[in-house]
C-alpha atoms as a PDB file:
ATOM      1  CA  MET A   1     145.502 120.487  82.817  1.00  0.00           C
ATOM      2  CA  ILE A   2     145.721 119.417  86.475  1.00  0.00           C
ATOM      3  CA  SER A   3     148.477 116.952  87.263  1.00  0.00           C
ATOM      4  CA  GLY A   4     147.608 113.633  88.877  1.00  0.00           C
ATOM      5  CA  LYS A   5     149.362 114.647  92.085  1.00  0.00           C
ATOM      6  CA  LEU A   6     147.485 117.967  92.306  1.00  0.00           C
ATOM      7  CA  PHE A   7     144.197 116.264  91.475  1.00  0.00           C
ATOM      8  CA  ARG A   8     144.666 113.825  94.362  1.00  0.00           C
ATOM      9  CA  LYS A   9     145.345 116.749  96.711  1.00  0.00           C
ATOM     10  CA  VAL A  10     142.154 118.500  95.601  1.00  0.00           C
ATOM     11  CA  VAL A  11     140.106 115.349  96.149  1.00  0.00           C
ATOM     12  CA  PHE A  12     141.665 114.847  99.586  1.00  0.00           C
ATOM     13  CA  LEU A  13     140.861 118.434 100.608  1.00  0.00           C
ATOM     14  CA  GLU A  14     137.270 118.016  99.433  1.00  0.00           C
ATOM     15  CA  MET A  15     136.927 114.895 101.592  1.00  0.00           C
ATOM     16  CA  VAL A  16     138.328 116.723 104.600  1.00  0.00           C
ATOM     17  CA  LEU A  17     135.890 119.586 104.109  1.00  0.00           C
ATOM     18  CA  VAL A  18     132.967 117.161 103.878  1.00  0.00           C
ATOM     19  CA  CYS A  19     133.996 115.513 107.152  1.00  0.00           C
ATOM     20  CA  VAL A  20     134.369 118.869 108.884  1.00  0.00           C
ATOM     21  CA  PHE A  21     131.006 119.954 107.557  1.00  0.00           C
ATOM     22  CA  PHE A  22     129.390 116.771 108.853  1.00  0.00           C
ATOM     23  CA  PHE A  23     130.874 116.735 112.331  1.00  0.00           C
ATOM     24  CA  SER A  24     130.362 120.454 112.878  1.00  0.00           C
ATOM     25  CA  GLY A  25     126.618 119.789 112.781  1.00  0.00           C
ATOM     26  CA  ALA A  26     126.160 122.112 109.834  1.00  0.00           C
ATOM     27  CA  VAL A  27     123.904 119.577 108.150  1.00  0.00           C
ATOM     28  CA  SER A  28     120.399 119.452 109.533  1.00  0.00           C
ATOM     29  CA  GLY A  29     118.088 116.479 109.161  1.00  0.00           C
ATOM     30  CA  ILE A  30     119.504 113.089 108.175  1.00  0.00           C
ATOM     31  CA  CYS A  31     123.305 113.135 108.217  1.00  0.00           C
ATOM     32  CA  GLN A  32     124.905 109.998 106.851  1.00  0.00           C
ATOM     33  CA  GLN A  33     128.541 109.081 106.583  1.00  0.00           C
ATOM     34  CA  LYS A  34     130.350 106.041 105.256  1.00  0.00           C
ATOM     35  CA  LEU A  35     132.339 104.440 108.023  1.00  0.00           C
ATOM     36  CA  ALA A  36     134.964 101.715 108.026  1.00  0.00           C
ATOM     37  CA  HIS A  37     134.056  98.169 107.017  1.00  0.00           C
ATOM     38  CA  GLY A  38     131.011  99.183 105.006  1.00  0.00           C
ATOM     39  CA  LYS A  39     129.140 100.826 107.884  1.00  0.00           C
ATOM     40  CA  LYS A  40     126.913 103.852 107.495  1.00  0.00           C
ATOM     41  CA  GLY A  41     126.360 106.268 110.326  1.00  0.00           C
ATOM     42  CA  LEU A  42     123.723 108.694 111.508  1.00  0.00           C
ATOM     43  CA  PHE A  43     124.012 111.104 114.410  1.00  0.00           C
ATOM     44  CA  LEU A  44     121.337 113.573 115.486  1.00  0.00           C
ATOM     45  CA  ASP A  45     121.727 115.891 118.454  1.00  0.00           C
ATOM     46  CA  PHE A  46     118.836 118.008 117.070  1.00  0.00           C
ATOM     47  CA  GLU A  47     120.736 121.268 117.521  1.00  0.00           C
ATOM     48  CA  ASN A  48     120.193 122.316 113.912  1.00  0.00           C
ATOM     49  CA  VAL A  49     116.514 121.405 113.776  1.00  0.00           C
ATOM     50  CA  PRO A  50     114.215 124.399 114.380  1.00  0.00           C
ATOM     51  CA  ALA A  51     112.218 124.289 117.599  1.00  0.00           C
ATOM     52  CA  GLY A  52     108.739 122.955 116.913  1.00  0.00           C
ATOM     53  CA  ALA A  53     109.875 120.917 113.903  1.00  0.00           C
ATOM     54  CA  LEU A  54     111.016 117.350 113.234  1.00  0.00           C
ATOM     55  CA  PRO A  55     114.318 116.244 111.691  1.00  0.00           C
ATOM     56  CA  GLU A  56     114.136 116.066 107.919  1.00  0.00           C
ATOM     57  CA  GLY A  57     112.735 112.741 106.744  1.00  0.00           C
ATOM     58  CA  TRP A  58     111.143 111.822 110.090  1.00  0.00           C
ATOM     59  CA  LYS A  59     107.417 111.203 110.532  1.00  0.00           C
ATOM     60  CA  VAL A  60     104.906 110.762 113.355  1.00  0.00           C
ATOM     61  CA  GLU A  61     102.668 107.705 113.280  1.00  0.00           C
ATOM     62  CA  ALA A  62     101.003 105.325 115.729  1.00  0.00           C
ATOM     63  CA  THR A  63     100.399 101.626 116.165  1.00  0.00           C
ATOM     64  CA  ARG A  64      96.857 100.834 117.313  1.00  0.00           C
ATOM     65  CA  LYS A  65      95.829 104.433 116.735  1.00  0.00           C
ATOM     66  CA  TYR A  66      92.792 105.680 118.637  1.00  0.00           C
ATOM     67  CA  GLY A  67      92.216 109.408 118.329  1.00  0.00           C
ATOM     68  CA  PRO A  68      94.729 112.062 117.225  1.00  0.00           C
ATOM     69  CA  LEU A  69      98.430 111.416 116.881  1.00  0.00           C
ATOM     70  CA  ALA A  70     100.755 112.510 119.657  1.00  0.00           C
ATOM     71  CA  THR A  71     102.821 115.673 119.150  1.00  0.00           C
ATOM     72  CA  TRP A  72     106.547 115.085 118.633  1.00  0.00           C
ATOM     73  CA  GLU A  73     108.813 118.092 118.164  1.00  0.00           C
ATOM     74  CA  VAL A  74     112.267 119.463 118.804  1.00  0.00           C
ATOM     75  CA  VAL A  75     112.252 121.625 121.942  1.00  0.00           C
ATOM     76  CA  LYS A  76     114.770 123.451 124.082  1.00  0.00           C
ATOM     77  CA  ASP A  77     115.807 121.625 127.253  1.00  0.00           C
ATOM     78  CA  ASN A  78     118.479 123.012 129.554  1.00  0.00           C
ATOM     79  CA  THR A  79     119.129 119.489 130.856  1.00  0.00           C
ATOM     80  CA  ALA A  80     119.992 118.134 127.386  1.00  0.00           C
ATOM     81  CA  PRO A  81     123.046 115.839 127.405  1.00  0.00           C
ATOM     82  CA  SER A  82     124.525 117.880 124.562  1.00  0.00           C
ATOM     83  CA  GLY A  83     123.599 121.362 123.341  1.00  0.00           C
ATOM     84  CA  GLU A  84     120.217 122.731 124.316  1.00  0.00           C
ATOM     85  CA  LYS A  85     117.712 120.875 122.108  1.00  0.00           C
ATOM     86  CA  VAL A  86     116.058 117.471 122.265  1.00  0.00           C
ATOM     87  CA  LEU A  87     113.410 115.568 120.331  1.00  0.00           C
ATOM     88  CA  ALA A  88     110.414 115.080 122.600  1.00  0.00           C
ATOM     89  CA  LEU A  89     106.907 113.747 122.700  1.00  0.00           C
ATOM     90  CA  THR A  90     105.333 116.843 124.218  1.00  0.00           C
ATOM     91  CA  LYS A  91     101.568 116.199 123.988  1.00  0.00           C
ATOM     92  CA  ILE A  92      99.668 112.912 123.948  1.00  0.00           C
ATOM     93  CA  ASN A  93      96.493 114.281 122.292  1.00  0.00           C
ATOM     94  CA  HIS A  94      94.636 110.996 122.846  1.00  0.00           C
ATOM     95  CA  GLY A  95      93.327 108.985 125.780  1.00  0.00           C
ATOM     96  CA  SER A  96      94.320 105.526 124.607  1.00  0.00           C
ATOM     97  CA  GLY A  97      96.230 103.260 126.981  1.00  0.00           C
ATOM     98  CA  SER A  98      97.143 100.836 124.209  1.00  0.00           C
ATOM     99  CA  THR A  99      98.446 103.174 121.482  1.00  0.00           C
ATOM    100  CA  PHE A 100     102.137 103.130 120.603  1.00  0.00           C
ATOM    101  CA  ASN A 101     103.428 106.592 119.697  1.00  0.00           C
ATOM    102  CA  LEU A 102     106.056 106.509 116.938  1.00  0.00           C
ATOM    103  CA  CYS A 103     108.519 109.002 115.504  1.00  0.00           C
ATOM    104  CA  TRP A 104     110.739 107.366 112.910  1.00  0.00           C
ATOM    105  CA  THR A 105     112.433 107.519 109.531  1.00  0.00           C
ATOM    106  CA  ASN A 106     112.887 105.082 106.678  1.00  0.00           C
ATOM    107  CA  ASP A 107     115.574 107.271 105.120  1.00  0.00           C
ATOM    108  CA  VAL A 108     118.057 105.156 107.081  1.00  0.00           C
ATOM    109  CA  SER A 109     118.245 101.436 106.282  1.00  0.00           C
ATOM    110  CA  PHE A 110     119.253  99.365 109.310  1.00  0.00           C
ATOM    111  CA  GLN A 111     119.630  95.597 109.433  1.00  0.00           C
ATOM    112  CA  ASP A 112     122.709  94.940 111.562  1.00  0.00           C
ATOM    113  CA  GLY A 113     124.791  97.272 113.711  1.00  0.00           C
ATOM    114  CA  THR A 114     124.294  99.496 116.734  1.00  0.00           C
ATOM    115  CA  ILE A 115     121.720 102.129 117.718  1.00  0.00           C
ATOM    116  CA  GLU A 116     122.103 104.369 120.759  1.00  0.00           C
ATOM    117  CA  VAL A 117     120.047 107.152 122.324  1.00  0.00           C
ATOM    118  CA  MET A 118     119.728 109.181 125.504  1.00  0.00           C
ATOM    119  CA  LEU A 119     116.205 109.253 126.943  1.00  0.00           C
ATOM    120  CA  LYS A 120     114.514 111.024 129.821  1.00  0.00           C
ATOM    121  CA  PRO A 121     111.130 109.783 131.087  1.00  0.00           C
ATOM    122  CA  VAL A 122     109.216 112.973 131.881  1.00  0.00           C
ATOM    123  CA  SER A 123     105.690 111.953 132.866  1.00  0.00           C
ATOM    124  CA  GLY A 124     102.933 109.415 132.420  1.00  0.00           C
ATOM    125  CA  ARG A 125     100.264 107.889 134.616  1.00  0.00           C
ATOM    126  CA  ILE A 126      99.654 104.717 132.577  1.00  0.00           C
ATOM    127  CA  ASP A 127     103.140 104.366 131.107  1.00  0.00           C
ATOM    128  CA  GLN A 128     106.483 106.140 131.218  1.00  0.00           C
ATOM    129  CA  GLY A 129     109.745 105.992 129.331  1.00  0.00           C
ATOM    130  CA  GLY A 130     110.159 104.564 125.867  1.00  0.00           C
ATOM    131  CA  GLY A 131     112.911 103.398 123.592  1.00  0.00           C
ATOM    132  CA  ILE A 132     114.362 102.487 120.210  1.00  0.00           C
ATOM    133  CA  MET A 133     112.666 101.024 117.132  1.00  0.00           C
ATOM    134  CA  TRP A 134     114.624  99.182 114.446  1.00  0.00           C
ATOM    135  CA  ARG A 135     114.147  97.088 111.329  1.00  0.00           C
ATOM    136  CA  VAL A 136     110.933  99.071 110.962  1.00  0.00           C
ATOM    137  CA  LYS A 137     108.844  97.931 107.985  1.00  0.00           C
ATOM    138  CA  ASP A 138     105.912 100.235 108.741  1.00  0.00           C
ATOM    139  CA  ARG A 139     103.924 101.509 111.717  1.00  0.00           C
ATOM    140  CA  ASN A 140     102.651  98.002 112.455  1.00  0.00           C
ATOM    141  CA  ASN A 141     105.820  95.909 112.015  1.00  0.00           C
ATOM    142  CA  TYR A 142     109.123  96.443 113.859  1.00  0.00           C
ATOM    143  CA  TYR A 143     111.342  95.608 116.835  1.00  0.00           C
ATOM    144  CA  VAL A 144     111.345  97.850 119.893  1.00  0.00           C
ATOM    145  CA  ALA A 145     113.418  97.929 123.087  1.00  0.00           C
ATOM    146  CA  ARG A 146     111.919 100.063 125.807  1.00  0.00           C
ATOM    147  CA  PHE A 147     112.484 101.000 129.460  1.00  0.00           C
ATOM    148  CA  ASN A 148     109.534 101.781 131.753  1.00  0.00           C
ATOM    149  CA  PRO A 149     110.360 103.276 135.182  1.00  0.00           C
ATOM    150  CA  LEU A 150     106.766 102.780 136.359  1.00  0.00           C
ATOM    151  CA  GLU A 151     107.142  99.014 135.949  1.00  0.00           C
ATOM    152  CA  ASP A 152     110.870  98.848 136.730  1.00  0.00           C
ATOM    153  CA  ASN A 153     111.564  96.780 133.637  1.00  0.00           C
ATOM    154  CA  PHE A 154     113.502  96.811 130.373  1.00  0.00           C
ATOM    155  CA  ARG A 155     112.016  94.772 127.542  1.00  0.00           C
ATOM    156  CA  VAL A 156     112.382  93.793 123.899  1.00  0.00           C
ATOM    157  CA  TYR A 157     109.284  93.237 121.794  1.00  0.00           C
ATOM    158  CA  TYR A 158     108.422  92.533 118.210  1.00  0.00           C
ATOM    159  CA  VAL A 159     105.310  94.185 116.818  1.00  0.00           C
ATOM    160  CA  ALA A 160     103.765  92.227 113.937  1.00  0.00           C
ATOM    161  CA  ASN A 161     100.630  93.446 112.174  1.00  0.00           C
ATOM    162  CA  GLY A 162     100.021  95.780 115.103  1.00  0.00           C
ATOM    163  CA  HIS A 163     100.230  93.059 117.755  1.00  0.00           C
ATOM    164  CA  ARG A 164     103.024  93.300 120.345  1.00  0.00           C
ATOM    165  CA  MET A 165     104.770  90.184 121.650  1.00  0.00           C
ATOM    166  CA  MET A 166     107.447  90.219 124.342  1.00  0.00           C
ATOM    167  CA  VAL A 167     110.788  88.657 123.414  1.00  0.00           C
ATOM    168  CA  ASN A 168     112.773  89.263 126.612  1.00  0.00           C
ATOM    169  CA  SER A 169     112.541  91.182 129.890  1.00  0.00           C
ATOM    170  CA  ALA A 170     114.803  92.260 132.753  1.00  0.00           C
ATOM    171  CA  ARG A 171     114.084  93.878 136.097  1.00  0.00           C
ATOM    172  CA  VAL A 172     115.669  97.344 136.117  1.00  0.00           C
ATOM    173  CA  SER A 173     115.013 100.181 138.559  1.00  0.00           C
ATOM    174  CA  LEU A 174     116.097 103.632 137.378  1.00  0.00           C
ATOM    175  CA  PRO A 175     114.572 107.025 138.233  1.00  0.00           C
ATOM    176  CA  ALA A 176     112.239 108.987 135.992  1.00  0.00           C
ATOM    177  CA  GLY A 177     113.123 112.599 135.292  1.00  0.00           C
ATOM    178  CA  LYS A 178     116.769 111.685 134.654  1.00  0.00           C
ATOM    179  CA  TRP A 179     118.704 111.007 131.462  1.00  0.00           C
ATOM    180  CA  HIS A 180     119.635 107.395 130.741  1.00  0.00           C
ATOM    181  CA  SER A 181     121.486 105.808 127.825  1.00  0.00           C
ATOM    182  CA  MET A 182     120.061 102.940 125.797  1.00  0.00           C
ATOM    183  CA  LYS A 183     121.858 100.860 123.189  1.00  0.00           C
ATOM    184  CA  ILE A 184     120.839  97.938 121.004  1.00  0.00           C
ATOM    185  CA  VAL A 185     123.257  95.756 119.060  1.00  0.00           C
ATOM    186  CA  GLN A 186     121.807  93.584 116.292  1.00  0.00           C
ATOM    187  CA  LYS A 187     123.667  90.958 114.253  1.00  0.00           C
ATOM    188  CA  GLY A 188     121.610  88.511 112.225  1.00  0.00           C
ATOM    189  CA  ASP A 189     118.982  87.151 114.586  1.00  0.00           C
ATOM    190  CA  ARG A 190     121.011  87.965 117.727  1.00  0.00           C
ATOM    191  CA  TYR A 191     120.343  91.082 119.799  1.00  0.00           C
ATOM    192  CA  GLN A 192     121.917  92.697 122.856  1.00  0.00           C
ATOM    193  CA  CYS A 193     120.335  95.558 124.804  1.00  0.00           C
ATOM    194  CA  TYR A 194     122.031  97.918 127.261  1.00  0.00           C
ATOM    195  CA  LEU A 195     120.928 100.576 129.760  1.00  0.00           C
ATOM    196  CA  ASN A 196     123.484 103.029 131.118  1.00  0.00           C
ATOM    197  CA  GLY A 197     126.268 100.862 129.701  1.00  0.00           C
ATOM    198  CA  LYS A 198     125.130  97.618 131.334  1.00  0.00           C
ATOM    199  CA  LYS A 199     123.910  94.681 129.236  1.00  0.00           C
ATOM    200  CA  TYR A 200     120.569  93.449 130.531  1.00  0.00           C
ATOM    201  CA  LEU A 201     119.085  91.575 127.581  1.00  0.00           C
ATOM    202  CA  GLU A 202     120.530  89.136 125.073  1.00  0.00           C
ATOM    203  CA  GLY A 203     119.081  86.452 122.840  1.00  0.00           C
ATOM    204  CA  THR A 204     117.833  85.585 119.379  1.00  0.00           C
ATOM    205  CA  ASP A 205     114.681  86.327 117.414  1.00  0.00           C
ATOM    206  CA  ASP A 206     113.987  85.970 113.700  1.00  0.00           C
ATOM    207  CA  HIS A 207     110.631  87.667 113.186  1.00  0.00           C
ATOM    208  CA  PHE A 208     112.166  90.540 111.194  1.00  0.00           C
ATOM    209  CA  GLN A 209     115.258  89.642 109.209  1.00  0.00           C
ATOM    210  CA  LYS A 210     115.350  92.372 106.554  1.00  0.00           C
ATOM    211  CA  ALA A 211     116.659  95.907 106.836  1.00  0.00           C
ATOM    212  CA  GLY A 212     114.198  98.599 107.829  1.00  0.00           C
ATOM    213  CA  GLY A 213     113.853 102.069 109.285  1.00  0.00           C
ATOM    214  CA  VAL A 214     114.797 103.340 112.737  1.00  0.00           C
ATOM    215  CA  GLY A 215     113.109 105.553 115.278  1.00  0.00           C
ATOM    216  CA  LEU A 216     111.743 106.284 118.734  1.00  0.00           C
ATOM    217  CA  TRP A 217     108.767 104.899 120.629  1.00  0.00           C
ATOM    218  CA  THR A 218     106.550 105.505 123.655  1.00  0.00           C
ATOM    219  CA  LYS A 219     103.304 103.920 124.807  1.00  0.00           C
ATOM    220  CA  ALA A 220      99.996 105.430 125.919  1.00  0.00           C
ATOM    221  CA  ASP A 221     100.558 108.649 127.911  1.00  0.00           C
ATOM    222  CA  ALA A 222     104.356 108.384 128.254  1.00  0.00           C
ATOM    223  CA  VAL A 223     105.862 111.835 127.682  1.00  0.00           C
ATOM    224  CA  THR A 224     109.567 111.334 126.987  1.00  0.00           C
ATOM    225  CA  SER A 225     112.550 113.315 125.669  1.00  0.00           C
ATOM    226  CA  PHE A 226     115.359 111.932 123.509  1.00  0.00           C
ATOM    227  CA  ASP A 227     118.815 113.181 122.554  1.00  0.00           C
ATOM    228  CA  ASN A 228     121.997 112.038 120.789  1.00  0.00           C
ATOM    229  CA  PHE A 229     120.387 109.476 118.480  1.00  0.00           C
ATOM    230  CA  LYS A 230     123.218 107.506 116.878  1.00  0.00           C
ATOM    231  CA  VAL A 231     123.127 104.708 114.314  1.00  0.00           C
ATOM    232  CA  GLU A 232     126.012 102.631 112.996  1.00  0.00           C
ATOM    233  CA  ALA A 233     124.641 100.297 110.361  1.00  0.00           C
ATOM    234  CA  GLU A 234     126.651  97.467 108.846  1.00  0.00           C
ATOM    235  CA  ASN A 235     124.418  97.179 105.772  1.00  0.00           C
END
């Protein structure tokens, strides 16, 4: 029989090994970890996702779909903020100026907490850039914060039954072709949105109050790359 003291040591070692396994990036796809104060975390740098694939549990969809879905895939990028891989929308595949291109997962339940990502606007004649989706119910119902360097603005919207309504907007001028950080903080009906560490947007909105999925978003012909997708959920 194992003594109580030895048993506790074995359990402790197992926990240490799990943490090492998680932070070493040895787990591909959705990596979740219980954090302090009831939080759950997700971090994806996409290094362990094969090129040409999506992270496990993620799917490509569209709001106001006209024509084929856009192509999202993990690709090599020597400008990546970490490692050498990113998740990117690489091909539009449609000519719609009003379609929202989505890559998201409902394997993570997010109601309150923080979501961060690095994004690089690559190209787009109608639109550029993109951003973060949260409290996603389905492809037609969610919140989104997005930056568009063509319009020099940073905005929060809610999309309800496929219709987009602006919640807040700020004038922001940042270059395309460069990596920028985006962060949203949600608590109840209050949101805060940051670009490159600076808070530009803050307010309240109660259109979506329940937990939902998380993901990434672009509009029309915006080709964009994303890296270091991090979620800390307080659910």
